[in-house]
PDB file of all heavy atoms in Angstrom:
ATOM      1  N   LEU A   1     113.304 116.387 106.633  1.00  0.00           N
ATOM      2  CA  LEU A   1     114.421 117.267 106.987  1.00  0.00           C
ATOM      3  C   LEU A   1     115.749 116.687 106.513  1.00  0.00           C
ATOM      4  O   LEU A   1     116.623 117.429 106.040  1.00  0.00           O
ATOM      5  CB  LEU A   1     114.441 117.500 108.497  1.00  0.00           C
ATOM      6  CG  LEU A   1     113.290 118.318 109.080  1.00  0.00           C
ATOM      7  CD1 LEU A   1     113.386 118.366 110.592  1.00  0.00           C
ATOM      8  CD2 LEU A   1     113.279 119.723 108.502  1.00  0.00           C
ATOM      9  N   LEU A   2     115.907 115.369 106.639  1.00  0.00           N
ATOM     10  CA  LEU A   2     117.127 114.728 106.155  1.00  0.00           C
ATOM     11  C   LEU A   2     117.263 114.916 104.647  1.00  0.00           C
ATOM     12  O   LEU A   2     118.342 115.245 104.146  1.00  0.00           O
ATOM     13  CB  LEU A   2     117.112 113.237 106.495  1.00  0.00           C
ATOM     14  CG  LEU A   2     117.375 112.839 107.943  1.00  0.00           C
ATOM     15  CD1 LEU A   2     117.266 111.328 108.111  1.00  0.00           C
ATOM     16  CD2 LEU A   2     118.750 113.319 108.408  1.00  0.00           C
ATOM     17  N   TYR A   3     116.161 114.708 103.924  1.00  0.00           N
ATOM     18  CA  TYR A   3     116.218 114.852 102.468  1.00  0.00           C
ATOM     19  C   TYR A   3     116.558 116.287 102.065  1.00  0.00           C
ATOM     20  O   TYR A   3     117.319 116.506 101.116  1.00  0.00           O
ATOM     21  CB  TYR A   3     114.886 114.449 101.829  1.00  0.00           C
ATOM     22  CG  TYR A   3     114.879 114.699 100.345  1.00  0.00           C
ATOM     23  CD1 TYR A   3     115.605 113.873  99.483  1.00  0.00           C
ATOM     24  CD2 TYR A   3     114.195 115.786  99.803  1.00  0.00           C
ATOM     25  CE1 TYR A   3     115.641 114.124  98.116  1.00  0.00           C
ATOM     26  CE2 TYR A   3     114.230 116.039  98.432  1.00  0.00           C
ATOM     27  CZ  TYR A   3     114.951 115.202  97.599  1.00  0.00           C
ATOM     28  OH  TYR A   3     114.989 115.465  96.250  1.00  0.00           O
ATOM     29  N   SER A   4     116.008 117.246 102.773  1.00  0.00           N
ATOM     30  CA  SER A   4     116.271 118.650 102.430  1.00  0.00           C
ATOM     31  C   SER A   4     117.743 119.006 102.609  1.00  0.00           C
ATOM     32  O   SER A   4     118.237 119.974 102.012  1.00  0.00           O
ATOM     33  CB  SER A   4     115.400 119.579 103.291  1.00  0.00           C
ATOM     34  OG  SER A   4     115.785 119.521 104.648  1.00  0.00           O
ATOM     35  N   ARG A   5     118.462 118.203 103.393  1.00  0.00           N
ATOM     36  CA  ARG A   5     119.878 118.469 103.641  1.00  0.00           C
ATOM     37  C   ARG A   5     120.804 117.611 102.779  1.00  0.00           C
ATOM     38  O   ARG A   5     121.804 118.093 102.254  1.00  0.00           O
ATOM     39  CB  ARG A   5     120.199 118.267 105.123  1.00  0.00           C
ATOM     40  CG  ARG A   5     119.674 119.407 105.990  1.00  0.00           C
ATOM     41  CD  ARG A   5     119.522 119.004 107.445  1.00  0.00           C
ATOM     42  NE  ARG A   5     119.136 120.139 108.275  1.00  0.00           N
ATOM     43  CZ  ARG A   5     117.915 120.663 108.303  1.00  0.00           C
ATOM     44  NH1 ARG A   5     116.956 120.174 107.543  1.00  0.00           N
ATOM     45  NH2 ARG A   5     117.639 121.693 109.082  1.00  0.00           N
ATOM     46  N   ASN A   6     120.473 116.314 102.640  1.00  0.00           N
ATOM     47  CA  ASN A   6     121.410 115.433 101.934  1.00  0.00           C
ATOM     48  C   ASN A   6     120.962 115.027 100.528  1.00  0.00           C
ATOM     49  O   ASN A   6     121.706 114.431  99.778  1.00  0.00           O
ATOM     50  CB  ASN A   6     121.681 114.171 102.760  1.00  0.00           C
ATOM     51  CG  ASN A   6     120.423 113.345 103.005  1.00  0.00           C
ATOM     52  OD1 ASN A   6     119.468 113.393 102.237  1.00  0.00           O
ATOM     53  ND2 ASN A   6     120.430 112.566 104.074  1.00  0.00           N
ATOM     54  N   LYS A   7     119.675 115.327 100.182  1.00  0.00           N
ATOM     55  CA  LYS A   7     119.103 115.009  98.873  1.00  0.00           C
ATOM     56  C   LYS A   7     119.190 113.517  98.547  1.00  0.00           C
ATOM     57  O   LYS A   7     119.263 113.135  97.369  1.00  0.00           O
ATOM     58  CB  LYS A   7     119.777 115.833  97.760  1.00  0.00           C
ATOM     59  CG  LYS A   7     119.625 117.327  97.940  1.00  0.00           C
ATOM     60  CD  LYS A   7     118.151 117.734  98.059  1.00  0.00           C
ATOM     61  CE  LYS A   7     117.984 119.217  98.285  1.00  0.00           C
ATOM     62  NZ  LYS A   7     116.577 119.626  98.469  1.00  0.00           N
ATOM     63  N   ASN A   8     119.157 112.701  99.580  1.00  0.00           N
ATOM     64  CA  ASN A   8     119.138 111.250  99.385  1.00  0.00           C
ATOM     65  C   ASN A   8     117.707 110.812  99.116  1.00  0.00           C
ATOM     66  O   ASN A   8     116.834 110.959  99.969  1.00  0.00           O
ATOM     67  CB  ASN A   8     119.694 110.555 100.633  1.00  0.00           C
ATOM     68  CG  ASN A   8     119.880 109.061 100.431  1.00  0.00           C
ATOM     69  OD1 ASN A   8     119.143 108.422  99.682  1.00  0.00           O
ATOM     70  ND2 ASN A   8     120.863 108.499 101.109  1.00  0.00           N
ATOM     71  N   ILE A   9     117.457 110.256  97.935  1.00  0.00           N
ATOM     72  CA  ILE A   9     116.098 109.903  97.532  1.00  0.00           C
ATOM     73  C   ILE A   9     115.462 108.897  98.471  1.00  0.00           C
ATOM     74  O   ILE A   9     114.235 108.822  98.587  1.00  0.00           O
ATOM     75  CB  ILE A   9     116.093 109.377  96.068  1.00  0.00           C
ATOM     76  CG1 ILE A   9     114.673 109.361  95.508  1.00  0.00           C
ATOM     77  CG2 ILE A   9     116.751 108.013  95.997  1.00  0.00           C
ATOM     78  CD1 ILE A   9     114.059 110.711  95.344  1.00  0.00           C
ATOM     79  N   LYS A  10     116.278 108.100  99.174  1.00  0.00           N
ATOM     80  CA  LYS A  10     115.727 107.125 100.117  1.00  0.00           C
ATOM     81  C   LYS A  10     114.966 107.825 101.241  1.00  0.00           C
ATOM     82  O   LYS A  10     113.932 107.334 101.690  1.00  0.00           O
ATOM     83  CB  LYS A  10     116.848 106.259 100.697  1.00  0.00           C
ATOM     84  CG  LYS A  10     117.455 105.283  99.702  1.00  0.00           C
ATOM     85  CD  LYS A  10     118.523 104.418 100.356  1.00  0.00           C
ATOM     86  CE  LYS A  10     119.095 103.423  99.355  1.00  0.00           C
ATOM     87  NZ  LYS A  10     120.150 102.572  99.969  1.00  0.00           N
ATOM     88  N   ASN A  11     115.480 108.949 101.695  1.00  0.00           N
ATOM     89  CA  ASN A  11     114.797 109.696 102.750  1.00  0.00           C
ATOM     90  C   ASN A  11     113.473 110.262 102.261  1.00  0.00           C
ATOM     91  O   ASN A  11     112.469 110.234 102.969  1.00  0.00           O
ATOM     92  CB  ASN A  11     115.679 110.827 103.269  1.00  0.00           C
ATOM     93  CG  ASN A  11     116.928 110.346 103.968  1.00  0.00           C
ATOM     94  OD1 ASN A  11     118.040 110.673 103.567  1.00  0.00           O
ATOM     95  ND2 ASN A  11     116.765 109.535 105.002  1.00  0.00           N
ATOM     96  N   LEU A  12     113.455 110.757 101.020  1.00  0.00           N
ATOM     97  CA  LEU A  12     112.216 111.277 100.447  1.00  0.00           C
ATOM     98  C   LEU A  12     111.190 110.156 100.309  1.00  0.00           C
ATOM     99  O   LEU A  12     110.012 110.343 100.640  1.00  0.00           O
ATOM    100  CB  LEU A  12     112.486 111.908  99.086  1.00  0.00           C
ATOM    101  CG  LEU A  12     111.255 112.440  98.339  1.00  0.00           C
ATOM    102  CD1 LEU A  12     110.578 113.549  99.144  1.00  0.00           C
ATOM    103  CD2 LEU A  12     111.649 112.947  96.963  1.00  0.00           C
ATOM    104  N   ASN A  13     111.609 109.005  99.836  1.00  0.00           N
ATOM    105  CA  ASN A  13     110.686 107.888  99.677  1.00  0.00           C
ATOM    106  C   ASN A  13     110.136 107.402 101.016  1.00  0.00           C
ATOM    107  O   ASN A  13     108.972 107.015 101.114  1.00  0.00           O
ATOM    108  CB  ASN A  13     111.370 106.733  98.944  1.00  0.00           C
ATOM    109  CG  ASN A  13     111.466 106.975  97.453  1.00  0.00           C
ATOM    110  OD1 ASN A  13     110.725 107.788  96.896  1.00  0.00           O
ATOM    111  ND2 ASN A  13     112.381 106.290  96.796  1.00  0.00           N
ATOM    112  N   LYS A  14     110.980 107.416 102.052  1.00  0.00           N
ATOM    113  CA  LYS A  14     110.503 107.037 103.384  1.00  0.00           C
ATOM    114  C   LYS A  14     109.438 108.014 103.864  1.00  0.00           C
ATOM    115  O   LYS A  14     108.412 107.612 104.403  1.00  0.00           O
ATOM    116  CB  LYS A  14     111.673 106.993 104.370  1.00  0.00           C
ATOM    117  CG  LYS A  14     112.584 105.799 104.191  1.00  0.00           C
ATOM    118  CD  LYS A  14     113.720 105.834 105.204  1.00  0.00           C
ATOM    119  CE  LYS A  14     114.649 104.652 105.020  1.00  0.00           C
ATOM    120  NZ  LYS A  14     115.765 104.679 106.009  1.00  0.00           N
ATOM    121  N   CYS A  15     109.693 109.311 103.656  1.00  0.00           N
ATOM    122  CA  CYS A  15     108.723 110.337 104.045  1.00  0.00           C
ATOM    123  C   CYS A  15     107.405 110.130 103.316  1.00  0.00           C
ATOM    124  O   CYS A  15     106.332 110.144 103.930  1.00  0.00           O
ATOM    125  CB  CYS A  15     109.284 111.720 103.746  1.00  0.00           C
ATOM    126  SG  CYS A  15     108.134 113.076 104.040  1.00  0.00           S
ATOM    127  N   LEU A  16     107.468 109.914 102.020  1.00  0.00           N
ATOM    128  CA  LEU A  16     106.261 109.727 101.220  1.00  0.00           C
ATOM    129  C   LEU A  16     105.499 108.474 101.627  1.00  0.00           C
ATOM    130  O   LEU A  16     104.268 108.472 101.675  1.00  0.00           O
ATOM    131  CB  LEU A  16     106.621 109.656  99.735  1.00  0.00           C
ATOM    132  CG  LEU A  16     107.214 110.927  99.124  1.00  0.00           C
ATOM    133  CD1 LEU A  16     107.632 110.675  97.687  1.00  0.00           C
ATOM    134  CD2 LEU A  16     106.229 112.078  99.222  1.00  0.00           C
ATOM    135  N   SER A  17     106.239 107.411 101.912  1.00  0.00           N
ATOM    136  CA  SER A  17     105.599 106.171 102.330  1.00  0.00           C
ATOM    137  C   SER A  17     104.827 106.363 103.623  1.00  0.00           C
ATOM    138  O   SER A  17     103.682 105.925 103.756  1.00  0.00           O
ATOM    139  CB  SER A  17     106.659 105.081 102.509  1.00  0.00           C
ATOM    140  OG  SER A  17     106.067 103.876 102.950  1.00  0.00           O
ATOM    141  N   ILE A  18     105.448 107.043 104.562  1.00  0.00           N
ATOM    142  CA  ILE A  18     104.810 107.248 105.865  1.00  0.00           C
ATOM    143  C   ILE A  18     103.569 108.118 105.740  1.00  0.00           C
ATOM    144  O   ILE A  18     102.503 107.777 106.274  1.00  0.00           O
ATOM    145  CB  ILE A  18     105.801 107.866 106.866  1.00  0.00           C
ATOM    146  CG1 ILE A  18     106.956 106.897 107.141  1.00  0.00           C
ATOM    147  CG2 ILE A  18     105.087 108.195 108.192  1.00  0.00           C
ATOM    148  CD1 ILE A  18     108.125 107.526 107.873  1.00  0.00           C
ATOM    149  N   ILE A  19     103.668 109.242 105.023  1.00  0.00           N
ATOM    150  CA  ILE A  19     102.501 110.122 104.962  1.00  0.00           C
ATOM    151  C   ILE A  19     101.361 109.502 104.154  1.00  0.00           C
ATOM    152  O   ILE A  19     100.196 109.769 104.416  1.00  0.00           O
ATOM    153  CB  ILE A  19     102.840 111.545 104.437  1.00  0.00           C
ATOM    154  CG1 ILE A  19     103.275 111.525 102.982  1.00  0.00           C
ATOM    155  CG2 ILE A  19     103.881 112.218 105.312  1.00  0.00           C
ATOM    156  CD1 ILE A  19     103.365 112.925 102.377  1.00  0.00           C
ATOM    157  N   ASN A  20     101.700 108.647 103.195  1.00  0.00           N
ATOM    158  CA  ASN A  20     100.650 107.934 102.477  1.00  0.00           C
ATOM    159  C   ASN A  20      99.927 106.953 103.392  1.00  0.00           C
ATOM    160  O   ASN A  20      98.701 106.819 103.328  1.00  0.00           O
ATOM    161  CB  ASN A  20     101.239 107.192 101.272  1.00  0.00           C
ATOM    162  CG  ASN A  20     101.200 108.028 100.013  1.00  0.00           C
ATOM    163  OD1 ASN A  20     100.149 108.196  99.412  1.00  0.00           O
ATOM    164  ND2 ASN A  20     102.334 108.582  99.624  1.00  0.00           N
ATOM    165  N   LYS A  21     100.681 106.258 104.236  1.00  0.00           N
ATOM    166  CA  LYS A  21     100.060 105.312 105.170  1.00  0.00           C
ATOM    167  C   LYS A  21      99.250 106.052 106.227  1.00  0.00           C
ATOM    168  O   LYS A  21      98.204 105.580 106.666  1.00  0.00           O
ATOM    169  CB  LYS A  21     101.126 104.421 105.812  1.00  0.00           C
ATOM    170  CG  LYS A  21     101.793 103.483 104.818  1.00  0.00           C
ATOM    171  CD  LYS A  21     102.839 102.612 105.474  1.00  0.00           C
ATOM    172  CE  LYS A  21     102.202 101.429 106.181  1.00  0.00           C
ATOM    173  NZ  LYS A  21     101.589 100.462 105.259  1.00  0.00           N
ATOM    174  N   ILE A  22      99.745 107.229 106.640  1.00  0.00           N
ATOM    175  CA  ILE A  22      98.980 108.046 107.573  1.00  0.00           C
ATOM    176  C   ILE A  22      97.677 108.501 106.919  1.00  0.00           C
ATOM    177  O   ILE A  22      96.611 108.476 107.536  1.00  0.00           O
ATOM    178  CB  ILE A  22      99.805 109.264 108.038  1.00  0.00           C
ATOM    179  CG1 ILE A  22     100.958 108.816 108.927  1.00  0.00           C
ATOM    180  CG2 ILE A  22      98.914 110.261 108.793  1.00  0.00           C
ATOM    181  CD1 ILE A  22     101.922 109.926 109.296  1.00  0.00           C
ATOM    182  N   LYS A  23      97.769 108.917 105.652  1.00  0.00           N
ATOM    183  CA  LYS A  23      96.585 109.358 104.924  1.00  0.00           C
ATOM    184  C   LYS A  23      95.511 108.261 104.902  1.00  0.00           C
ATOM    185  O   LYS A  23      94.314 108.541 104.994  1.00  0.00           O
ATOM    186  CB  LYS A  23      96.957 109.763 103.497  1.00  0.00           C
ATOM    187  CG  LYS A  23      95.814 110.351 102.682  1.00  0.00           C
ATOM    188  CD  LYS A  23      96.328 110.863 101.340  1.00  0.00           C
ATOM    189  CE  LYS A  23      95.220 111.498 100.520  1.00  0.00           C
ATOM    190  NZ  LYS A  23      94.284 110.489  99.986  1.00  0.00           N
ATOM    191  N   ASP A  24      95.949 107.020 104.790  1.00  0.00           N
ATOM    192  CA  ASP A  24      95.002 105.900 104.785  1.00  0.00           C
ATOM    193  C   ASP A  24      94.282 105.747 106.128  1.00  0.00           C
ATOM    194  O   ASP A  24      93.217 105.131 106.196  1.00  0.00           O
ATOM    195  CB  ASP A  24      95.721 104.589 104.449  1.00  0.00           C
ATOM    196  CG  ASP A  24      96.171 104.537 103.001  1.00  0.00           C
ATOM    197  OD1 ASP A  24      95.611 105.288 102.179  1.00  0.00           O
ATOM    198  OD2 ASP A  24      97.099 103.754 102.689  1.00  0.00           O
ATOM    199  N   CYS A  25      94.887 106.297 107.184  1.00  0.00           N
ATOM    200  CA  CYS A  25      94.293 106.204 108.525  1.00  0.00           C
ATOM    201  C   CYS A  25      93.309 107.345 108.800  1.00  0.00           C
ATOM    202  O   CYS A  25      92.525 107.267 109.757  1.00  0.00           O
ATOM    203  CB  CYS A  25      95.380 106.216 109.595  1.00  0.00           C
ATOM    204  SG  CYS A  25      96.495 104.807 109.561  1.00  0.00           S
ATOM    205  N   ILE A  26      93.379 108.398 107.992  1.00  0.00           N
ATOM    206  CA  ILE A  26      92.483 109.545 108.191  1.00  0.00           C
ATOM    207  C   ILE A  26      91.078 109.158 107.759  1.00  0.00           C
ATOM    208  O   ILE A  26      90.871 108.568 106.706  1.00  0.00           O
ATOM    209  CB  ILE A  26      92.971 110.766 107.388  1.00  0.00           C
ATOM    210  CG1 ILE A  26      94.352 111.211 107.902  1.00  0.00           C
ATOM    211  CG2 ILE A  26      91.980 111.921 107.510  1.00  0.00           C
ATOM    212  CD1 ILE A  26      94.966 112.338 107.091  1.00  0.00           C
ATOM    213  N   ILE A  27      90.118 109.489 108.591  1.00  0.00           N
ATOM    214  CA  ILE A  27      88.719 109.148 108.334  1.00  0.00           C
ATOM    215  C   ILE A  27      88.051 110.314 107.611  1.00  0.00           C
ATOM    216  O   ILE A  27      88.129 111.456 108.061  1.00  0.00           O
ATOM    217  CB  ILE A  27      87.984 108.850 109.651  1.00  0.00           C
ATOM    218  CG1 ILE A  27      88.661 107.677 110.372  1.00  0.00           C
ATOM    219  CG2 ILE A  27      86.511 108.544 109.393  1.00  0.00           C
ATOM    220  CD1 ILE A  27      88.263 107.550 111.826  1.00  0.00           C
ATOM    221  N   GLN A  28      87.397 110.005 106.501  1.00  0.00           N
ATOM    222  CA  GLN A  28      86.684 111.035 105.743  1.00  0.00           C
ATOM    223  C   GLN A  28      85.197 110.734 105.742  1.00  0.00           C
ATOM    224  O   GLN A  28      84.777 109.643 105.375  1.00  0.00           O
ATOM    225  CB  GLN A  28      87.183 111.110 104.301  1.00  0.00           C
ATOM    226  CG  GLN A  28      86.436 112.153 103.468  1.00  0.00           C
ATOM    227  CD  GLN A  28      87.024 112.328 102.083  1.00  0.00           C
ATOM    228  OE1 GLN A  28      88.162 112.005 101.849  1.00  0.00           O
ATOM    229  NE2 GLN A  28      86.245 112.870 101.172  1.00  0.00           N
ATOM    230  N   LEU A  29      84.422 111.713 106.194  1.00  0.00           N
ATOM    231  CA  LEU A  29      82.975 111.586 106.141  1.00  0.00           C
ATOM    232  C   LEU A  29      82.514 111.959 104.737  1.00  0.00           C
ATOM    233  O   LEU A  29      82.712 113.088 104.290  1.00  0.00           O
ATOM    234  CB  LEU A  29      82.305 112.487 107.176  1.00  0.00           C
ATOM    235  CG  LEU A  29      82.545 112.140 108.650  1.00  0.00           C
ATOM    236  CD1 LEU A  29      81.684 113.033 109.532  1.00  0.00           C
ATOM    237  CD2 LEU A  29      82.217 110.690 108.928  1.00  0.00           C
TER     238      LEU A  29
END
């Protein structure tokens, strides 16, 4: 949401980092 408003690439990178780490926690059968 911050990135969508201020277009600061740091916010986008933080979002991407978090969802990638979350993805690593998802269990796939």
